[in-house]
N, C-alpha and C. Protein backbone atom coordinates (compact mmCIF):
# COMPACT_ATOMS: atom_id res chain seq x y z
N UNK A 1 45.33 -48.34 -192.93
CA UNK A 1 45.09 -47.32 -191.87
C UNK A 1 43.84 -47.78 -190.92
N UNK A 2 44.22 -47.43 -189.71
CA UNK A 2 43.05 -47.78 -188.72
C UNK A 2 41.93 -46.83 -189.10
N UNK A 3 40.61 -47.42 -188.67
CA UNK A 3 39.43 -46.93 -189.03
C UNK A 3 39.09 -45.44 -188.40
N UNK A 4 39.44 -45.39 -187.12
CA UNK A 4 39.43 -43.94 -186.52
C UNK A 4 40.18 -42.94 -187.11
N UNK A 5 41.67 -43.56 -187.72
CA UNK A 5 42.33 -42.32 -188.18
C UNK A 5 41.81 -41.94 -189.79
N UNK A 6 41.15 -43.01 -190.24
CA UNK A 6 40.97 -42.81 -191.72
C UNK A 6 39.63 -41.99 -191.69
N UNK A 7 38.55 -42.21 -190.62
CA UNK A 7 37.57 -41.13 -190.43
C UNK A 7 37.75 -39.79 -190.32
N UNK A 8 38.91 -39.57 -189.59
CA UNK A 8 39.23 -38.29 -189.45
C UNK A 8 40.05 -37.70 -190.48
N UNK A 9 40.85 -38.46 -191.10
CA UNK A 9 42.01 -38.04 -192.21
C UNK A 9 41.07 -37.55 -193.39
N UNK A 10 39.94 -38.32 -193.82
CA UNK A 10 39.06 -37.73 -195.07
C UNK A 10 38.06 -37.13 -194.68
N UNK A 11 38.19 -36.74 -193.44
CA UNK A 11 36.78 -35.40 -192.95
C UNK A 11 35.70 -35.80 -192.96
N UNK A 12 35.34 -37.36 -192.59
CA UNK A 12 34.26 -37.54 -192.24
C UNK A 12 33.53 -37.09 -190.86
N UNK A 13 34.56 -37.07 -189.87
CA UNK A 13 34.27 -36.61 -188.63
C UNK A 13 35.57 -35.47 -188.40
N UNK A 14 35.24 -34.63 -187.65
CA UNK A 14 36.10 -33.30 -187.49
C UNK A 14 37.48 -33.84 -186.60
N UNK A 15 37.34 -34.60 -185.74
CA UNK A 15 38.55 -35.11 -184.66
C UNK A 15 38.84 -36.57 -184.71
N UNK A 16 39.82 -36.92 -184.47
CA UNK A 16 40.21 -38.38 -184.22
C UNK A 16 39.57 -38.74 -182.90
N UNK A 17 39.69 -37.88 -182.13
CA UNK A 17 39.14 -38.42 -180.80
C UNK A 17 37.68 -38.67 -180.83
N UNK A 18 36.96 -38.05 -181.58
CA UNK A 18 35.48 -38.19 -181.78
C UNK A 18 35.27 -39.32 -182.52
N UNK A 19 36.20 -39.70 -183.43
CA UNK A 19 36.00 -41.03 -184.42
C UNK A 19 36.32 -42.27 -183.36
N UNK A 20 37.47 -41.81 -182.29
CA UNK A 20 37.67 -43.15 -181.35
C UNK A 20 36.57 -43.59 -180.74
N UNK A 21 36.09 -42.33 -180.15
CA UNK A 21 34.68 -42.36 -179.18
C UNK A 21 33.60 -43.21 -180.18
N UNK A 22 33.29 -42.91 -181.17
CA UNK A 22 32.30 -43.42 -182.22
C UNK A 22 32.54 -45.11 -182.05
N UNK A 23 33.66 -45.32 -182.60
CA UNK A 23 34.20 -46.72 -182.49
C UNK A 23 33.79 -47.46 -181.38
N UNK A 24 34.49 -46.88 -180.16
CA UNK A 24 34.29 -47.44 -178.84
C UNK A 24 32.77 -47.58 -178.67
N UNK A 25 31.96 -46.63 -178.99
CA UNK A 25 30.49 -46.92 -178.54
C UNK A 25 29.69 -47.83 -179.44
N UNK A 26 30.33 -48.32 -180.57
CA UNK A 26 29.69 -49.31 -181.37
C UNK A 26 28.93 -48.64 -182.44
N UNK A 27 28.84 -47.55 -183.00
CA UNK A 27 28.18 -46.97 -184.04
C UNK A 27 28.80 -46.90 -185.17
N UNK A 28 30.00 -47.64 -185.17
CA UNK A 28 30.91 -47.82 -186.67
C UNK A 28 30.78 -49.23 -186.95
N UNK A 29 30.49 -49.44 -188.30
CA UNK A 29 30.65 -51.04 -188.58
C UNK A 29 31.43 -50.90 -190.05
N UNK A 30 32.09 -51.74 -190.14
CA UNK A 30 32.90 -52.25 -191.43
C UNK A 30 32.57 -53.43 -192.13
N UNK A 31 32.02 -53.10 -193.24
CA UNK A 31 31.56 -54.58 -194.22
C UNK A 31 30.31 -55.08 -193.04
N UNK A 32 29.50 -54.27 -192.64
CA UNK A 32 28.38 -55.01 -191.85
C UNK A 32 29.01 -55.66 -190.22
N UNK A 33 30.15 -55.16 -189.85
CA UNK A 33 30.78 -55.96 -188.43
C UNK A 33 31.06 -54.88 -187.64
N UNK A 34 30.78 -54.71 -186.55
CA UNK A 34 31.20 -53.62 -185.61
C UNK A 34 32.72 -53.64 -185.42
N UNK A 35 33.18 -52.52 -185.69
CA UNK A 35 34.59 -52.18 -185.77
C UNK A 35 35.29 -51.68 -184.55
N UNK A 36 36.40 -52.43 -184.19
CA UNK A 36 37.26 -51.82 -183.10
C UNK A 36 38.06 -50.60 -183.75
N UNK A 37 38.71 -49.73 -183.11
CA UNK A 37 39.55 -48.80 -183.37
C UNK A 37 40.90 -49.16 -184.10
N UNK A 38 41.19 -50.59 -183.76
CA UNK A 38 42.41 -50.97 -184.58
C UNK A 38 42.23 -51.52 -185.64
N UNK A 39 40.85 -51.53 -186.19
CA UNK A 39 40.59 -52.32 -187.43
C UNK A 39 41.00 -51.45 -188.50
N UNK A 40 41.77 -52.15 -189.53
CA UNK A 40 42.51 -51.49 -190.66
C UNK A 40 41.19 -51.59 -191.72
N UNK A 41 41.41 -50.47 -192.47
CA UNK A 41 40.46 -50.37 -193.59
C UNK A 41 41.37 -50.35 -194.99
N UNK A 42 40.34 -50.92 -195.83
CA UNK A 42 41.16 -51.20 -197.23
C UNK A 42 40.30 -50.72 -198.37
N UNK A 43 40.89 -50.64 -199.53
CA UNK A 43 39.92 -49.98 -200.52
C UNK A 43 38.88 -50.98 -200.95
N UNK A 44 37.78 -50.28 -201.10
CA UNK A 44 36.56 -51.00 -201.36
C UNK A 44 35.76 -51.39 -200.06
N UNK A 45 36.21 -51.12 -198.98
CA UNK A 45 35.64 -51.45 -197.75
C UNK A 45 34.26 -50.66 -197.59
N UNK A 46 33.03 -50.85 -196.93
CA UNK A 46 32.12 -50.21 -196.84
C UNK A 46 31.89 -49.91 -195.13
N UNK A 47 31.59 -48.48 -195.04
CA UNK A 47 31.87 -48.15 -193.50
C UNK A 47 30.32 -47.53 -193.33
N UNK A 48 29.58 -48.07 -192.33
CA UNK A 48 28.45 -47.76 -191.86
C UNK A 48 28.40 -46.81 -190.49
N UNK A 49 27.95 -45.70 -190.38
CA UNK A 49 27.92 -44.99 -189.07
C UNK A 49 26.65 -44.74 -188.80
N UNK A 50 26.26 -45.24 -187.72
CA UNK A 50 24.66 -45.24 -187.01
C UNK A 50 24.55 -43.86 -186.57
N UNK A 51 23.70 -42.87 -186.79
CA UNK A 51 23.39 -41.66 -186.05
C UNK A 51 21.92 -41.80 -185.30
N UNK A 52 21.73 -41.08 -184.80
CA UNK A 52 20.17 -40.86 -184.12
C UNK A 52 19.37 -40.78 -185.23
N UNK A 53 19.48 -39.96 -186.14
CA UNK A 53 18.47 -39.80 -187.32
C UNK A 53 18.74 -40.72 -188.19
N UNK A 54 19.58 -41.84 -188.34
CA UNK A 54 19.81 -42.74 -189.39
C UNK A 54 21.26 -43.35 -189.67
N UNK A 55 21.42 -44.01 -190.71
CA UNK A 55 22.73 -44.53 -191.09
C UNK A 55 23.39 -43.59 -192.24
N UNK A 56 24.56 -43.57 -192.24
CA UNK A 56 25.28 -42.80 -193.06
C UNK A 56 26.25 -43.98 -193.68
N UNK A 57 26.16 -44.25 -194.92
CA UNK A 57 27.10 -45.31 -195.63
C UNK A 57 28.39 -44.62 -196.51
N UNK A 58 29.61 -45.13 -196.23
CA UNK A 58 30.41 -44.70 -196.97
C UNK A 58 31.46 -45.74 -197.58
N UNK A 59 32.32 -45.66 -198.86
CA UNK A 59 32.99 -46.50 -199.23
C UNK A 59 34.39 -45.81 -199.43
N UNK A 60 35.46 -46.79 -199.29
CA UNK A 60 36.82 -46.27 -199.17
C UNK A 60 37.28 -46.43 -200.45
N UNK A 61 37.48 -45.24 -201.07
CA UNK A 61 38.10 -45.24 -202.41
C UNK A 61 39.58 -45.33 -202.57
N UNK A 62 40.16 -44.65 -201.53
CA UNK A 62 41.44 -44.58 -201.43
C UNK A 62 42.18 -44.37 -199.84
N UNK A 63 43.46 -44.66 -199.52
CA UNK A 63 43.88 -44.73 -198.47
C UNK A 63 44.82 -43.35 -198.33
N UNK A 64 44.56 -42.21 -197.63
CA UNK A 64 45.51 -41.16 -197.49
C UNK A 64 46.81 -41.43 -197.14
N UNK A 65 47.65 -40.53 -197.69
CA UNK A 65 49.26 -40.92 -197.15
C UNK A 65 49.42 -39.87 -196.11
N UNK A 66 48.91 -38.93 -195.93
CA UNK A 66 49.06 -37.66 -194.98
C UNK A 66 48.20 -37.89 -193.73
N UNK A 67 48.49 -36.78 -192.77
CA UNK A 67 47.48 -36.96 -191.78
C UNK A 67 46.15 -36.48 -191.92
N UNK A 68 45.90 -35.55 -192.79
CA UNK A 68 44.70 -34.94 -193.24
C UNK A 68 44.57 -34.83 -194.68
N UNK A 69 43.59 -34.62 -195.43
CA UNK A 69 43.58 -33.94 -196.69
C UNK A 69 42.74 -33.14 -196.98
N UNK A 70 42.86 -32.04 -197.90
CA UNK A 70 42.19 -30.85 -198.27
C UNK A 70 40.64 -31.37 -198.19
N UNK A 71 39.60 -30.47 -197.99
CA UNK A 71 38.19 -31.10 -197.95
C UNK A 71 37.90 -30.88 -199.65
N UNK A 72 38.34 -30.14 -200.27
CA UNK A 72 38.12 -30.33 -201.64
C UNK A 72 38.59 -31.39 -202.46
N UNK A 73 39.18 -32.50 -201.67
CA UNK A 73 39.75 -33.49 -202.56
C UNK A 73 39.09 -34.81 -201.58
N UNK A 74 38.15 -34.51 -200.82
CA UNK A 74 37.40 -35.71 -200.06
C UNK A 74 36.71 -36.69 -200.98
N UNK A 75 36.31 -36.19 -202.39
CA UNK A 75 35.63 -37.10 -203.15
C UNK A 75 36.47 -38.17 -203.70
N UNK A 76 37.91 -38.06 -203.63
CA UNK A 76 38.96 -38.99 -204.18
C UNK A 76 39.03 -40.11 -203.41
N UNK A 77 38.70 -39.90 -201.98
CA UNK A 77 38.74 -40.95 -200.81
C UNK A 77 37.99 -41.43 -200.36
N UNK A 78 36.57 -40.80 -200.41
CA UNK A 78 35.39 -41.52 -199.75
C UNK A 78 34.29 -41.23 -200.90
N UNK A 79 33.43 -42.12 -201.10
CA UNK A 79 32.24 -41.91 -201.42
C UNK A 79 30.83 -42.05 -200.69
N UNK A 80 29.92 -41.27 -200.48
CA UNK A 80 28.76 -41.56 -199.71
C UNK A 80 28.06 -42.03 -200.56
N UNK A 81 27.48 -43.18 -199.87
CA UNK A 81 26.47 -44.27 -200.65
C UNK A 81 24.83 -43.79 -200.23
């Protein structure tokens, strides 16, 4: 699954367009390297998002099979480090 699609599907960001803009502006890193929107994520990847107030780190636990997941199941798909 593409990194921008994954970010919106697991409710890290609200919309995919926001996720795409974040990737294009270079604030999203996958395993320590700046990601392109087409970068695929795999289970175990570490994703870092750089905000103005600091970084947020996430670990991919599962890849969702649907477009979005319920917010109550977010912990099954992503772990905030």
